[in-house]
Structure formats: structure tokens, C-alpha cells
Amino acid sequence: MFNNILADQRFLEACLNEDRHALDRWGVWSYWTEVVEAVKETLYRYSHYTRIDNEFIVVLSIDCTSRIYEQYMGIPSRFYNLKTVVRRYAIFYTKQYIRSGGKIRGVL
């Protein structure tokens, strides 16, 4: 069974455009949880951090989420559900953050 890429793209685009219904779905369907957990796990696994402040995780998760919304045309997949793709993107994003020496756009 294949995923509906167009529906996923429209959903992410609506989130980008701050559509309240889409943003509510983002939270209810636990996409936010996928991002936060992936960021947290990746930081602990691939960085030198031994203790990570929750506020720091939130900042990274918000930036990662905004990038997911901005990439709405390229994020969805025919073969993986949107939660899986969101988690993979969050892992990729966090690894890039670590490699960059701790720089994220407009924040640090």
C-alpha cells in the first residue's frame, strides 16, 4: 500500500501557512513527539552532551519542525508513512546540527 504524497504535502503546507486545524492535527497525531524524541535520542547518541536542557531540545525541535514544514514538497514518501519520514528528517537535522558545531539558523 502506498501513501498519499499529495495529501501529506498539503498537510505540511497547511502547517507552514499556520492553518490552525492542520497544526492541531500535527499535535494530536503525535508528529511533534516524533520530532522531539528523535532530536533528543540523536543528541545523546551522536554528541558529546551528557545532560541536555529541555529548553534546548525544544528550540532544536521547533527549528526542525519549521524546516519540515518548509520542505513540504520533498518530505512525503510513497513508501514510508509521514511519521517515519518526520522522524528520519529530525535525526538527519540533529546530526547536521552536531556536525555544524552547534549552529542553527537564526538561533545560535
C-alpha atoms as a PDB file:
ATOM      1  CA  MET A   1       0.000   0.000   0.000  1.00  0.00           C
ATOM      2  CA  PHE A   2       1.359   3.406  -0.950  1.00  0.00           C
ATOM      3  CA  ASN A   3       0.984   6.658   0.954  1.00  0.00           C
ATOM      4  CA  ASN A   4      -0.888   9.624  -0.437  1.00  0.00           C
ATOM      5  CA  ILE A   5       2.006  12.010  -1.081  1.00  0.00           C
ATOM      6  CA  LEU A   6      -0.243  14.836  -2.248  1.00  0.00           C
ATOM      7  CA  ALA A   7      -2.322  14.701   0.941  1.00  0.00           C
ATOM      8  CA  ASP A   8       0.848  14.728   3.052  1.00  0.00           C
ATOM      9  CA  GLN A   9       2.221  17.676   1.052  1.00  0.00           C
ATOM     10  CA  ARG A  10      -0.997  19.623   1.530  1.00  0.00           C
ATOM     11  CA  PHE A  11      -0.979  18.846   5.235  1.00  0.00           C
ATOM     12  CA  LEU A  12       2.603  20.089   5.672  1.00  0.00           C
ATOM     13  CA  GLU A  13       1.918  23.145   3.514  1.00  0.00           C
ATOM     14  CA  ALA A  14      -1.108  23.986   5.676  1.00  0.00           C
ATOM     15  CA  CYS A  15       1.121  23.711   8.760  1.00  0.00           C
ATOM     16  CA  LEU A  16       3.635  26.045   7.091  1.00  0.00           C
ATOM     17  CA  ASN A  17       0.820  28.517   6.474  1.00  0.00           C
ATOM     18  CA  GLU A  18      -0.176  28.239  10.156  1.00  0.00           C
ATOM     19  CA  ASP A  19      -3.570  26.702   9.467  1.00  0.00           C
ATOM     20  CA  ARG A  20      -4.996  26.081  12.952  1.00  0.00           C
ATOM     21  CA  HIS A  21      -6.710  22.798  12.000  1.00  0.00           C
ATOM     22  CA  ALA A  22      -3.520  21.391  10.442  1.00  0.00           C
ATOM     23  CA  LEU A  23      -1.394  22.464  13.408  1.00  0.00           C
ATOM     24  CA  ASP A  24      -3.885  20.818  15.768  1.00  0.00           C
ATOM     25  CA  ARG A  25      -3.617  17.605  13.727  1.00  0.00           C
ATOM     26  CA  TRP A  26       0.203  17.883  13.914  1.00  0.00           C
ATOM     27  CA  GLY A  27      -0.073  17.739  17.700  1.00  0.00           C
ATOM     28  CA  VAL A  28      -2.894  15.206  18.002  1.00  0.00           C
ATOM     29  CA  TRP A  29      -1.268  12.761  15.582  1.00  0.00           C
ATOM     30  CA  SER A  30       1.979  12.958  17.606  1.00  0.00           C
ATOM     31  CA  TYR A  31       4.268  14.299  14.875  1.00  0.00           C
ATOM     32  CA  TRP A  32       5.617  16.761  17.454  1.00  0.00           C
ATOM     33  CA  THR A  33       6.501  13.824  19.706  1.00  0.00           C
ATOM     34  CA  GLU A  34       8.371  12.130  16.853  1.00  0.00           C
ATOM     35  CA  VAL A  35      10.472  15.258  16.310  1.00  0.00           C
ATOM     36  CA  VAL A  36      11.255  15.791  19.999  1.00  0.00           C
ATOM     37  CA  GLU A  37      12.142  12.155  20.638  1.00  0.00           C
ATOM     38  CA  ALA A  38      14.332  11.916  17.526  1.00  0.00           C
ATOM     39  CA  VAL A  39      16.174  15.134  18.405  1.00  0.00           C
ATOM     40  CA  LYS A  40      16.728  14.003  21.985  1.00  0.00           C
ATOM     41  CA  GLU A  41      17.881  10.488  21.068  1.00  0.00           C
ATOM     42  CA  THR A  42      20.220  11.761  18.355  1.00  0.00           C
ATOM     43  CA  LEU A  43      21.800  14.359  20.631  1.00  0.00           C
ATOM     44  CA  TYR A  44      22.540  11.759  23.279  1.00  0.00           C
ATOM     45  CA  ARG A  45      23.794   9.176  20.785  1.00  0.00           C
ATOM     46  CA  TYR A  46      25.965  11.300  18.471  1.00  0.00           C
ATOM     47  CA  SER A  47      27.137  14.273  20.514  1.00  0.00           C
ATOM     48  CA  HIS A  48      29.375  14.871  23.496  1.00  0.00           C
ATOM     49  CA  TYR A  49      26.424  16.083  25.575  1.00  0.00           C
ATOM     50  CA  THR A  50      25.767  14.060  28.716  1.00  0.00           C
ATOM     51  CA  ARG A  51      22.988  16.236  30.067  1.00  0.00           C
ATOM     52  CA  ILE A  52      20.690  18.228  27.818  1.00  0.00           C
ATOM     53  CA  ASP A  53      18.460  21.075  28.917  1.00  0.00           C
ATOM     54  CA  ASN A  54      14.785  20.652  27.959  1.00  0.00           C
ATOM     55  CA  GLU A  55      14.643  24.217  26.666  1.00  0.00           C
ATOM     56  CA  PHE A  56      17.499  23.421  24.283  1.00  0.00           C
ATOM     57  CA  ILE A  57      15.628  20.371  22.968  1.00  0.00           C
ATOM     58  CA  VAL A  58      12.517  22.489  22.436  1.00  0.00           C
ATOM     59  CA  VAL A  59      14.480  25.119  20.487  1.00  0.00           C
ATOM     60  CA  LEU A  60      16.017  22.477  18.209  1.00  0.00           C
ATOM     61  CA  SER A  61      12.657  20.741  17.801  1.00  0.00           C
ATOM     62  CA  ILE A  62      10.891  23.967  16.829  1.00  0.00           C
ATOM     63  CA  ASP A  63      13.552  24.815  14.256  1.00  0.00           C
ATOM     64  CA  CYS A  64      13.499  21.263  12.896  1.00  0.00           C
ATOM     65  CA  THR A  65       9.691  21.336  12.678  1.00  0.00           C
ATOM     66  CA  SER A  66       9.721  24.623  10.768  1.00  0.00           C
ATOM     67  CA  ARG A  67      12.205  23.127   8.313  1.00  0.00           C
ATOM     68  CA  ILE A  68       9.943  20.111   7.850  1.00  0.00           C
ATOM     69  CA  TYR A  69       7.050  22.449   7.016  1.00  0.00           C
ATOM     70  CA  GLU A  70       9.249  24.379   4.572  1.00  0.00           C
ATOM     71  CA  GLN A  71      10.283  21.138   2.861  1.00  0.00           C
ATOM     72  CA  TYR A  72       6.664  20.066   2.344  1.00  0.00           C
ATOM     73  CA  MET A  73       7.264  19.235  -1.324  1.00  0.00           C
ATOM     74  CA  GLY A  74      10.166  16.872  -0.589  1.00  0.00           C
ATOM     75  CA  ILE A  75       9.346  15.349   2.798  1.00  0.00           C
ATOM     76  CA  PRO A  76       6.456  12.943   1.995  1.00  0.00           C
ATOM     77  CA  SER A  77       7.219   9.449   0.774  1.00  0.00           C
ATOM     78  CA  ARG A  78       5.296   6.834  -1.154  1.00  0.00           C
ATOM     79  CA  PHE A  79       6.892   4.047   0.836  1.00  0.00           C
ATOM     80  CA  TYR A  80       7.091   5.344   4.406  1.00  0.00           C
ATOM     81  CA  ASN A  81       4.322   6.912   6.453  1.00  0.00           C
ATOM     82  CA  LEU A  82       4.692  10.553   7.369  1.00  0.00           C
ATOM     83  CA  LYS A  83       5.657   9.804  10.994  1.00  0.00           C
ATOM     84  CA  THR A  84       8.581   7.691   9.834  1.00  0.00           C
ATOM     85  CA  VAL A  85       9.728  10.353   7.384  1.00  0.00           C
ATOM     86  CA  VAL A  86       9.386  13.097  10.018  1.00  0.00           C
ATOM     87  CA  ARG A  87      11.467  11.044  12.480  1.00  0.00           C
ATOM     88  CA  ARG A  88      14.159  10.383   9.857  1.00  0.00           C
ATOM     89  CA  TYR A  89      14.303  14.074   8.945  1.00  0.00           C
ATOM     90  CA  ALA A  90      14.631  15.032  12.621  1.00  0.00           C
ATOM     91  CA  ILE A  91      17.528  12.597  13.030  1.00  0.00           C
ATOM     92  CA  PHE A  92      19.207  13.985   9.893  1.00  0.00           C
ATOM     93  CA  TYR A  93      18.617  17.575  11.078  1.00  0.00           C
ATOM     94  CA  THR A  94      20.113  16.887  14.510  1.00  0.00           C
ATOM     95  CA  LYS A  95      23.167  15.155  13.053  1.00  0.00           C
ATOM     96  CA  GLN A  96      23.698  18.194  10.801  1.00  0.00           C
ATOM     97  CA  TYR A  97      23.380  20.437  13.853  1.00  0.00           C
ATOM     98  CA  ILE A  98      26.064  18.433  15.690  1.00  0.00           C
ATOM     99  CA  ARG A  99      28.392  18.476  12.655  1.00  0.00           C
ATOM    100  CA  SER A 100      27.958  22.232  12.259  1.00  0.00           C
ATOM    101  CA  GLY A 101      29.374  22.802  15.713  1.00  0.00           C
ATOM    102  CA  GLY A 102      26.055  23.790  17.219  1.00  0.00           C
ATOM    103  CA  LYS A 103      24.710  26.327  14.764  1.00  0.00           C
ATOM    104  CA  ILE A 104      21.094  26.547  13.730  1.00  0.00           C
ATOM    105  CA  ARG A 105      19.614  29.200  11.531  1.00  0.00           C
ATOM    106  CA  GLY A 106      18.650  32.369  13.323  1.00  0.00           C
ATOM    107  CA  VAL A 107      19.066  30.971  16.829  1.00  0.00           C
ATOM    108  CA  LEU A 108      22.655  30.164  17.748  1.00  0.00           C
END
